Amino acid sequence: MDRRHWILLIVALACIAALGAWIVELDWGLSESMDPAPATSQPR
Protein backbone atom coordinates (compact mmCIF):
# COMPACT_ATOMS: atom_id res chain seq x y z
CA MET A 1 0.00 0.00 0.00
CA ASP A 2 1.24 3.44 -0.78
CA ARG A 3 1.04 6.57 1.32
CA ARG A 4 -2.37 7.60 -0.06
CA HIS A 5 -3.95 4.32 1.07
CA TRP A 6 -2.49 4.63 4.58
CA ILE A 7 -3.89 8.15 4.92
CA LEU A 8 -7.29 6.99 3.69
CA LEU A 9 -7.22 4.09 6.17
CA ILE A 10 -6.33 6.41 9.06
CA VAL A 11 -9.11 8.86 8.11
CA ALA A 12 -11.65 6.04 7.80
CA LEU A 13 -10.68 4.64 11.22
CA ALA A 14 -10.92 8.11 12.76
CA CYS A 15 -14.39 8.55 11.29
CA ILE A 16 -15.51 5.17 12.63
CA ALA A 17 -14.11 6.02 16.08
CA ALA A 18 -15.87 9.41 16.06
CA LEU A 19 -19.15 7.82 15.04
CA GLY A 20 -18.81 5.22 17.79
CA ALA A 21 -18.06 7.90 20.38
CA TRP A 22 -21.07 9.91 19.20
CA ILE A 23 -23.36 6.87 19.51
CA VAL A 24 -22.06 6.11 23.01
CA GLU A 25 -22.55 9.72 24.09
CA LEU A 26 -26.05 9.80 22.58
CA ASP A 27 -26.97 6.54 24.34
CA TRP A 28 -25.58 7.82 27.64
CA GLY A 29 -27.51 11.08 27.31
CA LEU A 30 -30.75 9.29 26.47
CA SER A 31 -30.45 6.85 29.35
CA GLU A 32 -29.70 9.73 31.70
CA SER A 33 -32.78 11.65 30.55
CA MET A 34 -35.02 8.58 30.84
CA ASP A 35 -34.07 7.75 34.42
CA PRO A 36 -36.88 8.58 36.84
CA ALA A 37 -36.41 11.67 38.95
CA PRO A 38 -35.24 10.99 42.49
CA ALA A 39 -38.04 10.84 45.01
CA THR A 40 -38.15 13.92 47.20
CA SER A 41 -39.90 14.03 50.53
CA GLN A 42 -42.63 16.61 50.65
CA PRO A 43 -43.97 17.96 53.93
CA ARG A 44 -47.57 17.12 54.70
PDB file of N, CA and C in Angstrom:
ATOM      1  N   MET A   1       0.851  -1.191   0.000  1.00  0.00           N
ATOM      2  CA  MET A   1       0.000   0.000   0.000  1.00  0.00           C
ATOM      3  C   MET A   1       0.889   1.244   0.000  1.00  0.00           C
ATOM      4  N   ASP A   2       0.461   2.211  -0.750  1.00  0.00           N
ATOM      5  CA  ASP A   2       1.235   3.444  -0.784  1.00  0.00           C
ATOM      6  C   ASP A   2       0.712   4.431   0.261  1.00  0.00           C
ATOM      7  N   ARG A   3       1.339   5.576   0.290  1.00  0.00           N
ATOM      8  CA  ARG A   3       1.036   6.573   1.324  1.00  0.00           C
ATOM      9  C   ARG A   3      -0.429   7.025   1.280  1.00  0.00           C
ATOM     10  N   ARG A   4      -0.983   7.155   0.104  1.00  0.00           N
ATOM     11  CA  ARG A   4      -2.369   7.598  -0.056  1.00  0.00           C
ATOM     12  C   ARG A   4      -3.342   6.618   0.604  1.00  0.00           C
ATOM     13  N   HIS A   5      -3.087   5.327   0.454  1.00  0.00           N
ATOM     14  CA  HIS A   5      -3.948   4.321   1.065  1.00  0.00           C
ATOM     15  C   HIS A   5      -3.847   4.348   2.591  1.00  0.00           C
ATOM     16  N   TRP A   6      -2.656   4.553   3.118  1.00  0.00           N
ATOM     17  CA  TRP A   6      -2.494   4.632   4.576  1.00  0.00           C
ATOM     18  C   TRP A   6      -3.253   5.826   5.149  1.00  0.00           C
ATOM     19  N   ILE A   7      -3.174   6.961   4.452  1.00  0.00           N
ATOM     20  CA  ILE A   7      -3.891   8.154   4.916  1.00  0.00           C
ATOM     21  C   ILE A   7      -5.397   7.910   4.880  1.00  0.00           C
ATOM     22  N   LEU A   8      -5.872   7.306   3.806  1.00  0.00           N
ATOM     23  CA  LEU A   8      -7.292   6.993   3.688  1.00  0.00           C
ATOM     24  C   LEU A   8      -7.727   6.029   4.794  1.00  0.00           C
ATOM     25  N   LEU A   9      -6.911   5.039   5.098  1.00  0.00           N
ATOM     26  CA  LEU A   9      -7.223   4.093   6.167  1.00  0.00           C
ATOM     27  C   LEU A   9      -7.292   4.792   7.522  1.00  0.00           C
ATOM     28  N   ILE A  10      -6.348   5.672   7.786  1.00  0.00           N
ATOM     29  CA  ILE A  10      -6.332   6.409   9.063  1.00  0.00           C
ATOM     30  C   ILE A  10      -7.561   7.305   9.176  1.00  0.00           C
ATOM     31  N   VAL A  11      -7.926   7.985   8.094  1.00  0.00           N
ATOM     32  CA  VAL A  11      -9.106   8.860   8.107  1.00  0.00           C
ATOM     33  C   VAL A  11     -10.375   8.028   8.309  1.00  0.00           C
ATOM     34  N   ALA A  12     -10.463   6.890   7.651  1.00  0.00           N
ATOM     35  CA  ALA A  12     -11.645   6.037   7.802  1.00  0.00           C
ATOM     36  C   ALA A  12     -11.758   5.524   9.235  1.00  0.00           C
ATOM     37  N   LEU A  13     -10.644   5.107   9.831  1.00  0.00           N
ATOM     38  CA  LEU A  13     -10.679   4.635  11.216  1.00  0.00           C
ATOM     39  C   LEU A  13     -11.045   5.759  12.192  1.00  0.00           C
ATOM     40  N   ALA A  14     -10.562   6.963  11.911  1.00  0.00           N
ATOM     41  CA  ALA A  14     -10.916   8.108  12.758  1.00  0.00           C
ATOM     42  C   ALA A  14     -12.404   8.412  12.649  1.00  0.00           C
ATOM     43  N   CYS A  15     -12.958   8.320  11.464  1.00  0.00           N
ATOM     44  CA  CYS A  15     -14.395   8.547  11.291  1.00  0.00           C
ATOM     45  C   CYS A  15     -15.222   7.491  12.011  1.00  0.00           C
ATOM     46  N   ILE A  16     -14.806   6.244  11.931  1.00  0.00           N
ATOM     47  CA  ILE A  16     -15.514   5.169  12.629  1.00  0.00           C
ATOM     48  C   ILE A  16     -15.438   5.373  14.140  1.00  0.00           C
ATOM     49  N   ALA A  17     -14.266   5.766  14.643  1.00  0.00           N
ATOM     50  CA  ALA A  17     -14.112   6.020  16.077  1.00  0.00           C
ATOM     51  C   ALA A  17     -14.981   7.194  16.522  1.00  0.00           C
ATOM     52  N   ALA A  18     -15.037   8.247  15.718  1.00  0.00           N
ATOM     53  CA  ALA A  18     -15.867   9.411  16.056  1.00  0.00           C
ATOM     54  C   ALA A  18     -17.347   9.036  16.055  1.00  0.00           C
ATOM     55  N   LEU A  19     -17.764   8.255  15.093  1.00  0.00           N
ATOM     56  CA  LEU A  19     -19.152   7.815  15.039  1.00  0.00           C
ATOM     57  C   LEU A  19     -19.498   6.952  16.245  1.00  0.00           C
ATOM     58  N   GLY A  20     -18.592   6.057  16.609  1.00  0.00           N
ATOM     59  CA  GLY A  20     -18.815   5.220  17.791  1.00  0.00           C
ATOM     60  C   GLY A  20     -18.898   6.046  19.063  1.00  0.00           C
ATOM     61  N   ALA A  21     -18.025   7.034  19.194  1.00  0.00           N
ATOM     62  CA  ALA A  21     -18.058   7.902  20.377  1.00  0.00           C
ATOM     63  C   ALA A  21     -19.348   8.703  20.417  1.00  0.00           C
ATOM     64  N   TRP A  22     -19.821   9.154  19.263  1.00  0.00           N
ATOM     65  CA  TRP A  22     -21.069   9.910  19.204  1.00  0.00           C
ATOM     66  C   TRP A  22     -22.249   9.036  19.613  1.00  0.00           C
ATOM     67  N   ILE A  23     -22.278   7.795  19.155  1.00  0.00           N
ATOM     68  CA  ILE A  23     -23.362   6.872  19.505  1.00  0.00           C
ATOM     69  C   ILE A  23     -23.343   6.582  21.004  1.00  0.00           C
ATOM     70  N   VAL A  24     -22.166   6.368  21.568  1.00  0.00           N
ATOM     71  CA  VAL A  24     -22.059   6.108  23.009  1.00  0.00           C
ATOM     72  C   VAL A  24     -22.534   7.318  23.796  1.00  0.00           C
ATOM     73  N   GLU A  25     -22.133   8.514  23.386  1.00  0.00           N
ATOM     74  CA  GLU A  25     -22.545   9.725  24.086  1.00  0.00           C
ATOM     75  C   GLU A  25     -24.054   9.923  23.961  1.00  0.00           C
ATOM     76  N   LEU A  26     -24.607   9.661  22.791  1.00  0.00           N
ATOM     77  CA  LEU A  26     -26.045   9.797  22.580  1.00  0.00           C
ATOM     78  C   LEU A  26     -26.801   8.807  23.453  1.00  0.00           C
ATOM     79  N   ASP A  27     -26.333   7.570  23.512  1.00  0.00           N
ATOM     80  CA  ASP A  27     -26.973   6.541  24.336  1.00  0.00           C
ATOM     81  C   ASP A  27     -26.897   6.920  25.810  1.00  0.00           C
ATOM     82  N   TRP A  28     -25.756   7.424  26.239  1.00  0.00           N
ATOM     83  CA  TRP A  28     -25.585   7.821  27.637  1.00  0.00           C
ATOM     84  C   TRP A  28     -26.510   8.981  27.978  1.00  0.00           C
ATOM     85  N   GLY A  29     -26.630   9.938  27.088  1.00  0.00           N
ATOM     86  CA  GLY A  29     -27.509  11.077  27.312  1.00  0.00           C
ATOM     87  C   GLY A  29     -28.973  10.673  27.348  1.00  0.00           C
ATOM     88  N   LEU A  30     -29.363   9.747  26.472  1.00  0.00           N
ATOM     89  CA  LEU A  30     -30.749   9.293  26.465  1.00  0.00           C
ATOM     90  C   LEU A  30     -31.080   8.507  27.724  1.00  0.00           C
ATOM     91  N   SER A  31     -30.178   7.642  28.146  1.00  0.00           N
ATOM     92  CA  SER A  31     -30.455   6.848  29.346  1.00  0.00           C
ATOM     93  C   SER A  31     -30.500   7.744  30.578  1.00  0.00           C
ATOM     94  N   GLU A  32     -29.693   8.803  30.572  1.00  0.00           N
ATOM     95  CA  GLU A  32     -29.704   9.730  31.699  1.00  0.00           C
ATOM     96  C   GLU A  32     -31.015  10.508  31.740  1.00  0.00           C
ATOM     97  N   SER A  33     -31.538  10.871  30.585  1.00  0.00           N
ATOM     98  CA  SER A  33     -32.776  11.645  30.554  1.00  0.00           C
ATOM     99  C   SER A  33     -33.997  10.773  30.822  1.00  0.00           C
ATOM    100  N   MET A  34     -33.883   9.467  30.622  1.00  0.00           N
ATOM    101  CA  MET A  34     -35.024   8.579  30.840  1.00  0.00           C
ATOM    102  C   MET A  34     -35.091   8.032  32.258  1.00  0.00           C
ATOM    103  N   ASP A  35     -34.051   8.224  33.045  1.00  0.00           N
ATOM    104  CA  ASP A  35     -34.074   7.754  34.420  1.00  0.00           C
ATOM    105  C   ASP A  35     -35.135   8.530  35.190  1.00  0.00           C
ATOM    106  N   PRO A  36     -35.866   7.848  36.061  1.00  0.00           N
ATOM    107  CA  PRO A  36     -36.881   8.577  36.836  1.00  0.00           C
ATOM    108  C   PRO A  36     -36.229   9.578  37.779  1.00  0.00           C
ATOM    109  N   ALA A  37     -36.932  10.648  38.036  1.00  0.00           N
ATOM    110  CA  ALA A  37     -36.414  11.669  38.946  1.00  0.00           C
ATOM    111  C   ALA A  37     -36.331  11.098  40.356  1.00  0.00           C
ATOM    112  N   PRO A  38     -35.338  11.504  41.125  1.00  0.00           N
ATOM    113  CA  PRO A  38     -35.239  10.988  42.491  1.00  0.00           C
ATOM    114  C   PRO A  38     -36.442  11.442  43.326  1.00  0.00           C
ATOM    115  N   ALA A  39     -36.892  10.534  44.156  1.00  0.00           N
ATOM    116  CA  ALA A  39     -38.037  10.843  45.008  1.00  0.00           C
ATOM    117  C   ALA A  39     -37.632  11.872  46.065  1.00  0.00           C
ATOM    118  N   THR A  40     -38.432  12.895  46.178  1.00  0.00           N
ATOM    119  CA  THR A  40     -38.153  13.923  47.197  1.00  0.00           C
ATOM    120  C   THR A  40     -39.261  13.866  48.232  1.00  0.00           C
ATOM    121  N   SER A  41     -38.883  14.048  49.465  1.00  0.00           N
ATOM    122  CA  SER A  41     -39.896  14.035  50.526  1.00  0.00           C
ATOM    123  C   SER A  41     -40.564  15.395  50.597  1.00  0.00           C
ATOM    124  N   GLN A  42     -41.873  15.372  50.577  1.00  0.00           N
ATOM    125  CA  GLN A  42     -42.633  16.605  50.653  1.00  0.00           C
ATOM    126  C   GLN A  42     -43.333  16.689  51.997  1.00  0.00           C
ATOM    127  N   PRO A  43     -43.284  17.839  52.626  1.00  0.00           N
ATOM    128  CA  PRO A  43     -43.969  17.964  53.935  1.00  0.00           C
ATOM    129  C   PRO A  43     -45.482  17.867  53.773  1.00  0.00           C
ATOM    130  N   ARG A  44     -46.109  17.280  54.747  1.00  0.00           N
ATOM    131  CA  ARG A  44     -47.573  17.116  54.696  1.00  0.00           C
ATOM    132  C   ARG A  44     -48.281  18.191  55.435  1.00  0.00           C
TER     133      ARG A  44
END
